[in-house]
Amino acid sequence: MASLLVIGGDKLGAIPSHLKDVGFHEIIHIDGRKVQMVKREIPDNIDLILVLTDFINHNLAKKIKDKANKKDVPICFSRRSWCAIYQSLTTNEIACDQCPFLKVNPSNNH
């Protein structure tokens, strides 16, 4: 089961259903609006982190990146649009090597 932590964006709209369509079965969303979000830890069962850059501040993005590196969890950065998210998920070299979606779908060429 592939799990994804989405950080940023107040409402995700149809994005979770698109993410499920590409293989992420568990999607956890943190909006990142509250100052205390920088203190939250990354759950242990997360396979990939997606940061929506147009909805979080630089400090939170840096903290999440540092925590992801310490836990060896791949991270993708994207704007909050499905096209941008899909492109980020399928073209990020580091995330692509570890992304469960791309491992179970070897027919994807990127």
PDB file of N, CA and C in Angstrom:
ATOM      1  N   MET A   1       0.842  -1.183   0.000  1.00  0.00           N
ATOM      2  CA  MET A   1       0.000   0.000   0.000  1.00  0.00           C
ATOM      3  C   MET A   1       0.882   1.240   0.000  1.00  0.00           C
ATOM      4  N   ALA A   2       0.669   2.138  -0.944  1.00  0.00           N
ATOM      5  CA  ALA A   2       1.453   3.366  -1.048  1.00  0.00           C
ATOM      6  C   ALA A   2       0.751   4.480  -0.283  1.00  0.00           C
ATOM      7  N   SER A   3       1.504   5.155   0.554  1.00  0.00           N
ATOM      8  CA  SER A   3       0.922   6.250   1.320  1.00  0.00           C
ATOM      9  C   SER A   3       1.629   7.555   0.970  1.00  0.00           C
ATOM     10  N   LEU A   4       0.851   8.622   0.973  1.00  0.00           N
ATOM     11  CA  LEU A   4       1.343   9.931   0.558  1.00  0.00           C
ATOM     12  C   LEU A   4       0.942  10.962   1.590  1.00  0.00           C
ATOM     13  N   LEU A   5       1.878  11.816   1.969  1.00  0.00           N
ATOM     14  CA  LEU A   5       1.606  12.942   2.847  1.00  0.00           C
ATOM     15  C   LEU A   5       1.603  14.193   1.988  1.00  0.00           C
ATOM     16  N   VAL A   6       0.472  14.892   1.941  1.00  0.00           N
ATOM     17  CA  VAL A   6       0.341  16.130   1.181  1.00  0.00           C
ATOM     18  C   VAL A   6       0.377  17.278   2.178  1.00  0.00           C
ATOM     19  N   ILE A   7       1.277  18.219   1.954  1.00  0.00           N
ATOM     20  CA  ILE A   7       1.414  19.365   2.840  1.00  0.00           C
ATOM     21  C   ILE A   7       1.145  20.622   2.041  1.00  0.00           C
ATOM     22  N   GLY A   8       0.188  21.412   2.518  1.00  0.00           N
ATOM     23  CA  GLY A   8      -0.188  22.657   1.863  1.00  0.00           C
ATOM     24  C   GLY A   8      -1.544  22.550   1.200  1.00  0.00           C
ATOM     25  N   GLY A   9      -2.121  23.683   0.919  1.00  0.00           N
ATOM     26  CA  GLY A   9      -3.433  23.715   0.281  1.00  0.00           C
ATOM     27  C   GLY A   9      -4.537  23.563   1.302  1.00  0.00           C
ATOM     28  N   ASP A  10      -5.459  24.509   1.337  1.00  0.00           N
ATOM     29  CA  ASP A  10      -6.568  24.424   2.280  1.00  0.00           C
ATOM     30  C   ASP A  10      -7.503  23.286   1.912  1.00  0.00           C
ATOM     31  N   LYS A  11      -7.860  23.230   0.655  1.00  0.00           N
ATOM     32  CA  LYS A  11      -8.741  22.183   0.152  1.00  0.00           C
ATOM     33  C   LYS A  11      -8.076  21.569  -1.068  1.00  0.00           C
ATOM     34  N   LEU A  12      -8.184  20.261  -1.175  1.00  0.00           N
ATOM     35  CA  LEU A  12      -7.528  19.573  -2.281  1.00  0.00           C
ATOM     36  C   LEU A  12      -8.459  19.294  -3.452  1.00  0.00           C
ATOM     37  N   GLY A  13      -9.743  19.455  -3.263  1.00  0.00           N
ATOM     38  CA  GLY A  13     -10.681  19.222  -4.357  1.00  0.00           C
ATOM     39  C   GLY A  13     -10.595  17.802  -4.873  1.00  0.00           C
ATOM     40  N   ALA A  14     -10.383  17.630  -6.165  1.00  0.00           N
ATOM     41  CA  ALA A  14     -10.340  16.317  -6.804  1.00  0.00           C
ATOM     42  C   ALA A  14      -8.950  15.672  -6.748  1.00  0.00           C
ATOM     43  N   ILE A  15      -7.982  16.356  -6.215  1.00  0.00           N
ATOM     44  CA  ILE A  15      -6.609  15.842  -6.198  1.00  0.00           C
ATOM     45  C   ILE A  15      -6.500  14.479  -5.508  1.00  0.00           C
ATOM     46  N   PRO A  16      -7.128  14.253  -4.343  1.00  0.00           N
ATOM     47  CA  PRO A  16      -7.016  12.923  -3.725  1.00  0.00           C
ATOM     48  C   PRO A  16      -7.535  11.792  -4.614  1.00  0.00           C
ATOM     49  N   SER A  17      -8.605  12.026  -5.333  1.00  0.00           N
ATOM     50  CA  SER A  17      -9.115  10.952  -6.207  1.00  0.00           C
ATOM     51  C   SER A  17      -8.150  10.689  -7.360  1.00  0.00           C
ATOM     52  N   HIS A  18      -7.512  11.729  -7.880  1.00  0.00           N
ATOM     53  CA  HIS A  18      -6.495  11.540  -8.926  1.00  0.00           C
ATOM     54  C   HIS A  18      -5.294  10.769  -8.371  1.00  0.00           C
ATOM     55  N   LEU A  19      -4.893  11.102  -7.147  1.00  0.00           N
ATOM     56  CA  LEU A  19      -3.763  10.411  -6.525  1.00  0.00           C
ATOM     57  C   LEU A  19      -4.087   8.938  -6.297  1.00  0.00           C
ATOM     58  N   LYS A  20      -5.312   8.646  -5.922  1.00  0.00           N
ATOM     59  CA  LYS A  20      -5.721   7.245  -5.748  1.00  0.00           C
ATOM     60  C   LYS A  20      -5.706   6.515  -7.084  1.00  0.00           C
ATOM     61  N   ASP A  21      -6.091   7.218  -8.143  1.00  0.00           N
ATOM     62  CA  ASP A  21      -6.083   6.613  -9.475  1.00  0.00           C
ATOM     63  C   ASP A  21      -4.681   6.197  -9.924  1.00  0.00           C
ATOM     64  N   VAL A  22      -3.654   6.909  -9.453  1.00  0.00           N
ATOM     65  CA  VAL A  22      -2.286   6.579  -9.854  1.00  0.00           C
ATOM     66  C   VAL A  22      -1.577   5.678  -8.857  1.00  0.00           C
ATOM     67  N   GLY A  23      -2.289   5.213  -7.824  1.00  0.00           N
ATOM     68  CA  GLY A  23      -1.713   4.198  -6.963  1.00  0.00           C
ATOM     69  C   GLY A  23      -1.500   4.533  -5.506  1.00  0.00           C
ATOM     70  N   PHE A  24      -1.836   5.720  -5.068  1.00  0.00           N
ATOM     71  CA  PHE A  24      -1.685   6.049  -3.653  1.00  0.00           C
ATOM     72  C   PHE A  24      -2.986   5.708  -2.933  1.00  0.00           C
ATOM     73  N   HIS A  25      -2.905   4.746  -2.024  1.00  0.00           N
ATOM     74  CA  HIS A  25      -4.107   4.263  -1.348  1.00  0.00           C
ATOM     75  C   HIS A  25      -4.400   5.024  -0.070  1.00  0.00           C
ATOM     76  N   GLU A  26      -3.377   5.513   0.569  1.00  0.00           N
ATOM     77  CA  GLU A  26      -3.567   6.292   1.790  1.00  0.00           C
ATOM     78  C   GLU A  26      -3.003   7.687   1.556  1.00  0.00           C
ATOM     79  N   ILE A  27      -3.855   8.696   1.742  1.00  0.00           N
ATOM     80  CA  ILE A  27      -3.451  10.083   1.524  1.00  0.00           C
ATOM     81  C   ILE A  27      -3.752  10.867   2.797  1.00  0.00           C
ATOM     82  N   ILE A  28      -2.709  11.423   3.381  1.00  0.00           N
ATOM     83  CA  ILE A  28      -2.848  12.248   4.577  1.00  0.00           C
ATOM     84  C   ILE A  28      -2.589  13.681   4.164  1.00  0.00           C
ATOM     85  N   HIS A  29      -3.489  14.585   4.560  1.00  0.00           N
ATOM     86  CA  HIS A  29      -3.355  15.990   4.167  1.00  0.00           C
ATOM     87  C   HIS A  29      -3.158  16.864   5.396  1.00  0.00           C
ATOM     88  N   ILE A  30      -2.149  17.707   5.343  1.00  0.00           N
ATOM     89  CA  ILE A  30      -1.902  18.723   6.365  1.00  0.00           C
ATOM     90  C   ILE A  30      -1.901  20.065   5.647  1.00  0.00           C
ATOM     91  N   ASP A  31      -2.777  20.973   6.049  1.00  0.00           N
ATOM     92  CA  ASP A  31      -2.892  22.232   5.307  1.00  0.00           C
ATOM     93  C   ASP A  31      -1.697  23.159   5.493  1.00  0.00           C
ATOM     94  N   GLY A  32      -0.995  23.076   6.601  1.00  0.00           N
ATOM     95  CA  GLY A  32       0.220  23.868   6.796  1.00  0.00           C
ATOM     96  C   GLY A  32      -0.019  25.318   7.148  1.00  0.00           C
ATOM     97  N   ARG A  33      -1.251  25.682   7.489  1.00  0.00           N
ATOM     98  CA  ARG A  33      -1.551  27.083   7.805  1.00  0.00           C
ATOM     99  C   ARG A  33      -1.114  27.497   9.205  1.00  0.00           C
ATOM    100  N   LYS A  34      -1.183  26.581  10.142  1.00  0.00           N
ATOM    101  CA  LYS A  34      -0.886  26.939  11.528  1.00  0.00           C
ATOM    102  C   LYS A  34       0.617  26.935  11.777  1.00  0.00           C
ATOM    103  N   VAL A  35       1.049  27.851  12.626  1.00  0.00           N
ATOM    104  CA  VAL A  35       2.466  27.997  12.949  1.00  0.00           C
ATOM    105  C   VAL A  35       3.018  26.708  13.561  1.00  0.00           C
ATOM    106  N   GLN A  36       2.211  25.996  14.311  1.00  0.00           N
ATOM    107  CA  GLN A  36       2.654  24.778  14.993  1.00  0.00           C
ATOM    108  C   GLN A  36       2.945  23.624  14.043  1.00  0.00           C
ATOM    109  N   MET A  37       2.595  23.761  12.771  1.00  0.00           N
ATOM    110  CA  MET A  37       2.820  22.680  11.807  1.00  0.00           C
ATOM    111  C   MET A  37       4.302  22.330  11.671  1.00  0.00           C
ATOM    112  N   VAL A  38       5.194  23.275  11.935  1.00  0.00           N
ATOM    113  CA  VAL A  38       6.625  22.992  11.808  1.00  0.00           C
ATOM    114  C   VAL A  38       7.093  21.978  12.845  1.00  0.00           C
ATOM    115  N   LYS A  39       6.320  21.795  13.911  1.00  0.00           N
ATOM    116  CA  LYS A  39       6.692  20.859  14.964  1.00  0.00           C
ATOM    117  C   LYS A  39       6.166  19.457  14.719  1.00  0.00           C
ATOM    118  N   ARG A  40       5.253  19.284  13.776  1.00  0.00           N
ATOM    119  CA  ARG A  40       4.676  17.963  13.510  1.00  0.00           C
ATOM    120  C   ARG A  40       5.716  17.052  12.880  1.00  0.00           C
ATOM    121  N   GLU A  41       5.626  15.802  13.228  1.00  0.00           N
ATOM    122  CA  GLU A  41       6.534  14.805  12.685  1.00  0.00           C
ATOM    123  C   GLU A  41       5.891  14.106  11.493  1.00  0.00           C
ATOM    124  N   ILE A  42       6.710  13.528  10.655  1.00  0.00           N
ATOM    125  CA  ILE A  42       6.232  12.756   9.512  1.00  0.00           C
ATOM    126  C   ILE A  42       5.830  11.373  10.024  1.00  0.00           C
ATOM    127  N   PRO A  43       4.619  10.927   9.735  1.00  0.00           N
ATOM    128  CA  PRO A  43       4.211   9.585  10.179  1.00  0.00           C
ATOM    129  C   PRO A  43       5.144   8.515   9.617  1.00  0.00           C
ATOM    130  N   ASP A  44       5.282   7.417  10.345  1.00  0.00           N
ATOM    131  CA  ASP A  44       6.205   6.348   9.969  1.00  0.00           C
ATOM    132  C   ASP A  44       5.820   5.631   8.689  1.00  0.00           C
ATOM    133  N   ASN A  45       4.543   5.562   8.370  1.00  0.00           N
ATOM    134  CA  ASN A  45       4.090   4.759   7.238  1.00  0.00           C
ATOM    135  C   ASN A  45       4.063   5.518   5.911  1.00  0.00           C
ATOM    136  N   ILE A  46       4.659   6.687   5.837  1.00  0.00           N
ATOM    137  CA  ILE A  46       4.605   7.514   4.631  1.00  0.00           C
ATOM    138  C   ILE A  46       5.669   7.062   3.621  1.00  0.00           C
ATOM    139  N   ASP A  47       5.230   6.846   2.375  1.00  0.00           N
ATOM    140  CA  ASP A  47       6.144   6.447   1.301  1.00  0.00           C
ATOM    141  C   ASP A  47       6.680   7.638   0.512  1.00  0.00           C
ATOM    142  N   LEU A  48       5.912   8.729   0.481  1.00  0.00           N
ATOM    143  CA  LEU A  48       6.287   9.893  -0.323  1.00  0.00           C
ATOM    144  C   LEU A  48       5.616  11.134   0.260  1.00  0.00           C
ATOM    145  N   ILE A  49       6.297  12.266   0.168  1.00  0.00           N
ATOM    146  CA  ILE A  49       5.741  13.540   0.622  1.00  0.00           C
ATOM    147  C   ILE A  49       5.579  14.443  -0.584  1.00  0.00           C
ATOM    148  N   LEU A  50       4.431  15.089  -0.663  1.00  0.00           N
ATOM    149  CA  LEU A  50       4.154  16.066  -1.713  1.00  0.00           C
ATOM    150  C   LEU A  50       3.889  17.406  -1.049  1.00  0.00           C
ATOM    151  N   VAL A  51       4.710  18.398  -1.360  1.00  0.00           N
ATOM    152  CA  VAL A  51       4.557  19.736  -0.795  1.00  0.00           C
ATOM    153  C   VAL A  51       3.973  20.643  -1.865  1.00  0.00           C
ATOM    154  N   LEU A  52       2.824  21.251  -1.564  1.00  0.00           N
ATOM    155  CA  LEU A  52       2.195  22.204  -2.479  1.00  0.00           C
ATOM    156  C   LEU A  52       2.774  23.576  -2.173  1.00  0.00           C
ATOM    157  N   THR A  53       3.676  24.017  -3.002  1.00  0.00           N
ATOM    158  CA  THR A  53       4.512  25.184  -2.720  1.00  0.00           C
ATOM    159  C   THR A  53       3.771  26.507  -2.688  1.00  0.00           C
ATOM    160  N   ASP A  54       2.651  26.598  -3.382  1.00  0.00           N
ATOM    161  CA  ASP A  54       1.968  27.883  -3.404  1.00  0.00           C
ATOM    162  C   ASP A  54       1.065  28.096  -2.192  1.00  0.00           C
ATOM    163  N   PHE A  55       1.118  27.181  -1.213  1.00  0.00           N
ATOM    164  CA  PHE A  55       0.261  27.318  -0.048  1.00  0.00           C
ATOM    165  C   PHE A  55       0.973  27.144   1.282  1.00  0.00           C
ATOM    166  N   ILE A  56       2.307  27.160   1.296  1.00  0.00           N
ATOM    167  CA  ILE A  56       3.032  27.073   2.565  1.00  0.00           C
ATOM    168  C   ILE A  56       4.158  28.096   2.576  1.00  0.00           C
ATOM    169  N   ASN A  57       4.670  28.373   3.780  1.00  0.00           N
ATOM    170  CA  ASN A  57       5.769  29.333   3.875  1.00  0.00           C
ATOM    171  C   ASN A  57       7.117  28.622   3.742  1.00  0.00           C
ATOM    172  N   HIS A  58       8.159  29.394   3.525  1.00  0.00           N
ATOM    173  CA  HIS A  58       9.496  28.835   3.294  1.00  0.00           C
ATOM    174  C   HIS A  58      10.016  28.066   4.501  1.00  0.00           C
ATOM    175  N   ASN A  59       9.713  28.547   5.706  1.00  0.00           N
ATOM    176  CA  ASN A  59      10.191  27.879   6.905  1.00  0.00           C
ATOM    177  C   ASN A  59       9.616  26.466   7.007  1.00  0.00           C
ATOM    178  N   LEU A  60       8.323  26.319   6.773  1.00  0.00           N
ATOM    179  CA  LEU A  60       7.704  24.994   6.835  1.00  0.00           C
ATOM    180  C   LEU A  60       8.266  24.088   5.743  1.00  0.00           C
ATOM    181  N   ALA A  61       8.452  24.609   4.554  1.00  0.00           N
ATOM    182  CA  ALA A  61       9.019  23.801   3.461  1.00  0.00           C
ATOM    183  C   ALA A  61      10.414  23.303   3.833  1.00  0.00           C
ATOM    184  N   LYS A  62      11.228  24.162   4.409  1.00  0.00           N
ATOM    185  CA  LYS A  62      12.582  23.766   4.812  1.00  0.00           C
ATOM    186  C   LYS A  62      12.541  22.712   5.910  1.00  0.00           C
ATOM    187  N   LYS A  63      11.696  22.905   6.910  1.00  0.00           N
ATOM    188  CA  LYS A  63      11.589  21.941   8.011  1.00  0.00           C
ATOM    189  C   LYS A  63      11.126  20.576   7.505  1.00  0.00           C
ATOM    190  N   ILE A  64      10.131  20.564   6.624  1.00  0.00           N
ATOM    191  CA  ILE A  64       9.625  19.305   6.080  1.00  0.00           C
ATOM    192  C   ILE A  64      10.720  18.612   5.267  1.00  0.00           C
ATOM    193  N   LYS A  65      11.449  19.386   4.481  1.00  0.00           N
ATOM    194  CA  LYS A  65      12.534  18.816   3.679  1.00  0.00           C
ATOM    195  C   LYS A  65      13.599  18.190   4.581  1.00  0.00           C
ATOM    196  N   ASP A  66      13.966  18.878   5.656  1.00  0.00           N
ATOM    197  CA  ASP A  66      14.951  18.349   6.600  1.00  0.00           C
ATOM    198  C   ASP A  66      14.457  17.062   7.264  1.00  0.00           C
ATOM    199  N   LYS A  67      13.188  17.061   7.688  1.00  0.00           N
ATOM    200  CA  LYS A  67      12.626  15.874   8.345  1.00  0.00           C
ATOM    201  C   LYS A  67      12.527  14.706   7.366  1.00  0.00           C
ATOM    202  N   ALA A  68      12.173  14.994   6.124  1.00  0.00           N
ATOM    203  CA  ALA A  68      12.085  13.936   5.106  1.00  0.00           C
ATOM    204  C   ALA A  68      13.464  13.333   4.848  1.00  0.00           C
ATOM    205  N   ASN A  69      14.478  14.171   4.779  1.00  0.00           N
ATOM    206  CA  ASN A  69      15.844  13.675   4.566  1.00  0.00           C
ATOM    207  C   ASN A  69      16.304  12.785   5.718  1.00  0.00           C
ATOM    208  N   LYS A  70      15.969  13.174   6.945  1.00  0.00           N
ATOM    209  CA  LYS A  70      16.363  12.385   8.112  1.00  0.00           C
ATOM    210  C   LYS A  70      15.675  11.024   8.120  1.00  0.00           C
ATOM    211  N   LYS A  71      14.429  10.985   7.647  1.00  0.00           N
ATOM    212  CA  LYS A  71      13.685   9.721   7.629  1.00  0.00           C
ATOM    213  C   LYS A  71      13.850   8.977   6.311  1.00  0.00           C
ATOM    214  N   ASP A  72      14.622   9.558   5.394  1.00  0.00           N
ATOM    215  CA  ASP A  72      14.856   8.961   4.080  1.00  0.00           C
ATOM    216  C   ASP A  72      13.544   8.731   3.315  1.00  0.00           C
ATOM    217  N   VAL A  73      12.689   9.743   3.355  1.00  0.00           N
ATOM    218  CA  VAL A  73      11.415   9.711   2.631  1.00  0.00           C
ATOM    219  C   VAL A  73      11.549  10.656   1.438  1.00  0.00           C
ATOM    220  N   PRO A  74      11.273  10.183   0.226  1.00  0.00           N
ATOM    221  CA  PRO A  74      11.367  11.071  -0.937  1.00  0.00           C
ATOM    222  C   PRO A  74      10.330  12.183  -0.850  1.00  0.00           C
ATOM    223  N   ILE A  75      10.660  13.324  -1.429  1.00  0.00           N
ATOM    224  CA  ILE A  75       9.782  14.489  -1.358  1.00  0.00           C
ATOM    225  C   ILE A  75       9.685  15.131  -2.738  1.00  0.00           C
ATOM    226  N   CYS A  76       8.486  15.550  -3.083  1.00  0.00           N
ATOM    227  CA  CYS A  76       8.234  16.261  -4.335  1.00  0.00           C
ATOM    228  C   CYS A  76       7.636  17.622  -4.009  1.00  0.00           C
ATOM    229  N   PHE A  77       7.955  18.598  -4.810  1.00  0.00           N
ATOM    230  CA  PHE A  77       7.394  19.934  -4.655  1.00  0.00           C
ATOM    231  C   PHE A  77       6.601  20.260  -5.912  1.00  0.00           C
ATOM    232  N   SER A  78       5.437  20.877  -5.722  1.00  0.00           N
ATOM    233  CA  SER A  78       4.585  21.178  -6.869  1.00  0.00           C
ATOM    234  C   SER A  78       3.635  22.317  -6.546  1.00  0.00           C
ATOM    235  N   ARG A  79       3.134  22.933  -7.598  1.00  0.00           N
ATOM    236  CA  ARG A  79       2.014  23.863  -7.439  1.00  0.00           C
ATOM    237  C   ARG A  79       0.753  23.032  -7.232  1.00  0.00           C
ATOM    238  N   ARG A  80      -0.334  23.675  -6.807  1.00  0.00           N
ATOM    239  CA  ARG A  80      -1.572  22.963  -6.537  1.00  0.00           C
ATOM    240  C   ARG A  80      -2.440  22.874  -7.789  1.00  0.00           C
ATOM    241  N   SER A  81      -2.013  22.108  -8.733  1.00  0.00           N
ATOM    242  CA  SER A  81      -2.831  21.773  -9.902  1.00  0.00           C
ATOM    243  C   SER A  81      -2.486  20.337 -10.250  1.00  0.00           C
ATOM    244  N   TRP A  82      -3.464  19.578 -10.725  1.00  0.00           N
ATOM    245  CA  TRP A  82      -3.198  18.175 -10.994  1.00  0.00           C
ATOM    246  C   TRP A  82      -2.093  18.000 -12.026  1.00  0.00           C
ATOM    247  N   CYS A  83      -2.072  18.816 -13.061  1.00  0.00           N
ATOM    248  CA  CYS A  83      -1.029  18.699 -14.094  1.00  0.00           C
ATOM    249  C   CYS A  83       0.361  18.877 -13.489  1.00  0.00           C
ATOM    250  N   ALA A  84       0.514  19.888 -12.642  1.00  0.00           N
ATOM    251  CA  ALA A  84       1.812  20.144 -12.013  1.00  0.00           C
ATOM    252  C   ALA A  84       2.180  19.025 -11.042  1.00  0.00           C
ATOM    253  N   ILE A  85       1.203  18.529 -10.295  1.00  0.00           N
ATOM    254  CA  ILE A  85       1.452  17.441  -9.342  1.00  0.00           C
ATOM    255  C   ILE A  85       1.887  16.184 -10.089  1.00  0.00           C
ATOM    256  N   TYR A  86       1.159  15.815 -11.126  1.00  0.00           N
ATOM    257  CA  TYR A  86       1.486  14.607 -11.886  1.00  0.00           C
ATOM    258  C   TYR A  86       2.886  14.715 -12.489  1.00  0.00           C
ATOM    259  N   GLN A  87       3.204  15.876 -13.030  1.00  0.00           N
ATOM    260  CA  GLN A  87       4.530  16.076 -13.612  1.00  0.00           C
ATOM    261  C   GLN A  87       5.616  15.948 -12.532  1.00  0.00           C
ATOM    262  N   SER A  88       5.363  16.523 -11.372  1.00  0.00           N
ATOM    263  CA  SER A  88       6.336  16.441 -10.288  1.00  0.00           C
ATOM    264  C   SER A  88       6.529  15.002  -9.824  1.00  0.00           C
ATOM    265  N   LEU A  89       5.439  14.254  -9.722  1.00  0.00           N
ATOM    266  CA  LEU A  89       5.521  12.864  -9.273  1.00  0.00           C
ATOM    267  C   LEU A  89       6.256  11.969 -10.264  1.00  0.00           C
ATOM    268  N   THR A  90       6.169  12.288 -11.534  1.00  0.00           N
ATOM    269  CA  THR A  90       6.740  11.401 -12.545  1.00  0.00           C
ATOM    270  C   THR A  90       8.071  11.873 -13.120  1.00  0.00           C
ATOM    271  N   THR A  91       8.555  13.041 -12.720  1.00  0.00           N
ATOM    272  CA  THR A  91       9.823  13.523 -13.269  1.00  0.00           C
ATOM    273  C   THR A  91      10.872  13.835 -12.210  1.00  0.00           C
ATOM    274  N   ASN A  92      10.531  13.760 -10.943  1.00  0.00           N
ATOM    275  CA  ASN A  92      11.482  14.029  -9.880  1.00  0.00           C
ATOM    276  C   ASN A  92      12.415  12.830  -9.764  1.00  0.00           C
ATOM    277  N   GLU A  93      13.685  12.989 -10.084  1.00  0.00           N
ATOM    278  CA  GLU A  93      14.618  11.863 -10.137  1.00  0.00           C
ATOM    279  C   GLU A  93      14.728  11.112  -8.819  1.00  0.00           C
ATOM    280  N   ILE A  94      14.835  11.829  -7.726  1.00  0.00           N
ATOM    281  CA  ILE A  94      14.975  11.173  -6.425  1.00  0.00           C
ATOM    282  C   ILE A  94      13.689  10.443  -6.062  1.00  0.00           C
ATOM    283  N   ALA A  95      12.564  11.120  -6.189  1.00  0.00           N
ATOM    284  CA  ALA A  95      11.292  10.494  -5.841  1.00  0.00           C
ATOM    285  C   ALA A  95      10.969   9.348  -6.782  1.00  0.00           C
ATOM    286  N   CYS A  96      11.280   9.485  -8.048  1.00  0.00           N
ATOM    287  CA  CYS A  96      10.957   8.438  -9.028  1.00  0.00           C
ATOM    288  C   CYS A  96      11.651   7.125  -8.703  1.00  0.00           C
ATOM    289  N   ASP A  97      12.872   7.192  -8.194  1.00  0.00           N
ATOM    290  CA  ASP A  97      13.596   5.973  -7.849  1.00  0.00           C
ATOM    291  C   ASP A  97      12.923   5.201  -6.723  1.00  0.00           C
ATOM    292  N   GLN A  98      12.230   5.916  -5.838  1.00  0.00           N
ATOM    293  CA  GLN A  98      11.634   5.285  -4.674  1.00  0.00           C
ATOM    294  C   GLN A  98      10.109   5.281  -4.702  1.00  0.00           C
ATOM    295  N   CYS A  99       9.508   5.945  -5.670  1.00  0.00           N
ATOM    296  CA  CYS A  99       8.058   6.122  -5.715  1.00  0.00           C
ATOM    297  C   CYS A  99       7.343   4.784  -5.921  1.00  0.00           C
ATOM    298  N   PRO A 100       6.445   4.421  -5.012  1.00  0.00           N
ATOM    299  CA  PRO A 100       5.743   3.145  -5.153  1.00  0.00           C
ATOM    300  C   PRO A 100       4.860   3.093  -6.396  1.00  0.00           C
ATOM    301  N   PHE A 101       4.325   4.208  -6.819  1.00  0.00           N
ATOM    302  CA  PHE A 101       3.496   4.241  -8.029  1.00  0.00           C
ATOM    303  C   PHE A 101       4.314   3.831  -9.244  1.00  0.00           C
ATOM    304  N   LEU A 102       5.506   4.359  -9.357  1.00  0.00           N
ATOM    305  CA  LEU A 102       6.331   4.058 -10.520  1.00  0.00           C
ATOM    306  C   LEU A 102       6.939   2.663 -10.443  1.00  0.00           C
ATOM    307  N   LYS A 103       7.141   2.143  -9.252  1.00  0.00           N
ATOM    308  CA  LYS A 103       7.666   0.784  -9.118  1.00  0.00           C
ATOM    309  C   LYS A 103       6.642  -0.255  -9.548  1.00  0.00           C
ATOM    310  N   VAL A 104       5.374  -0.027  -9.231  1.00  0.00           N
ATOM    311  CA  VAL A 104       4.345  -1.006  -9.586  1.00  0.00           C
ATOM    312  C   VAL A 104       3.824  -0.811 -11.000  1.00  0.00           C
ATOM    313  N   ASN A 105       4.190   0.289 -11.642  1.00  0.00           N
ATOM    314  CA  ASN A 105       3.785   0.571 -13.006  1.00  0.00           C
ATOM    315  C   ASN A 105       5.009   0.801 -13.885  1.00  0.00           C
ATOM    316  N   PRO A 106       5.787  -0.252 -14.158  1.00  0.00           N
ATOM    317  CA  PRO A 106       7.030  -0.067 -14.900  1.00  0.00           C
ATOM    318  C   PRO A 106       6.819   0.389 -16.329  1.00  0.00           C
ATOM    319  N   SER A 107       5.590   0.356 -16.824  1.00  0.00           N
ATOM    320  CA  SER A 107       5.329   0.796 -18.192  1.00  0.00           C
ATOM    321  C   SER A 107       5.385   2.307 -18.323  1.00  0.00           C
ATOM    322  N   ASN A 108       5.406   3.033 -17.198  1.00  0.00           N
ATOM    323  CA  ASN A 108       5.511   4.493 -17.257  1.00  0.00           C
ATOM    324  C   ASN A 108       6.908   4.881 -17.706  1.00  0.00           C
ATOM    325  N   ASN A 109       6.955   5.677 -18.709  1.00  0.00           N
ATOM    326  CA  ASN A 109       8.243   6.207 -19.151  1.00  0.00           C
ATOM    327  C   ASN A 109       8.276   7.669 -18.811  1.00  0.00           C
ATOM    328  N   HIS A 110       9.343   8.125 -18.217  1.00  0.00           N
ATOM    329  CA  HIS A 110       9.492   9.538 -17.909  1.00  0.00           C
ATOM    330  C   HIS A 110      10.882  10.008 -18.184  1.00  0.00           C
TER     331      HIS A 110
END
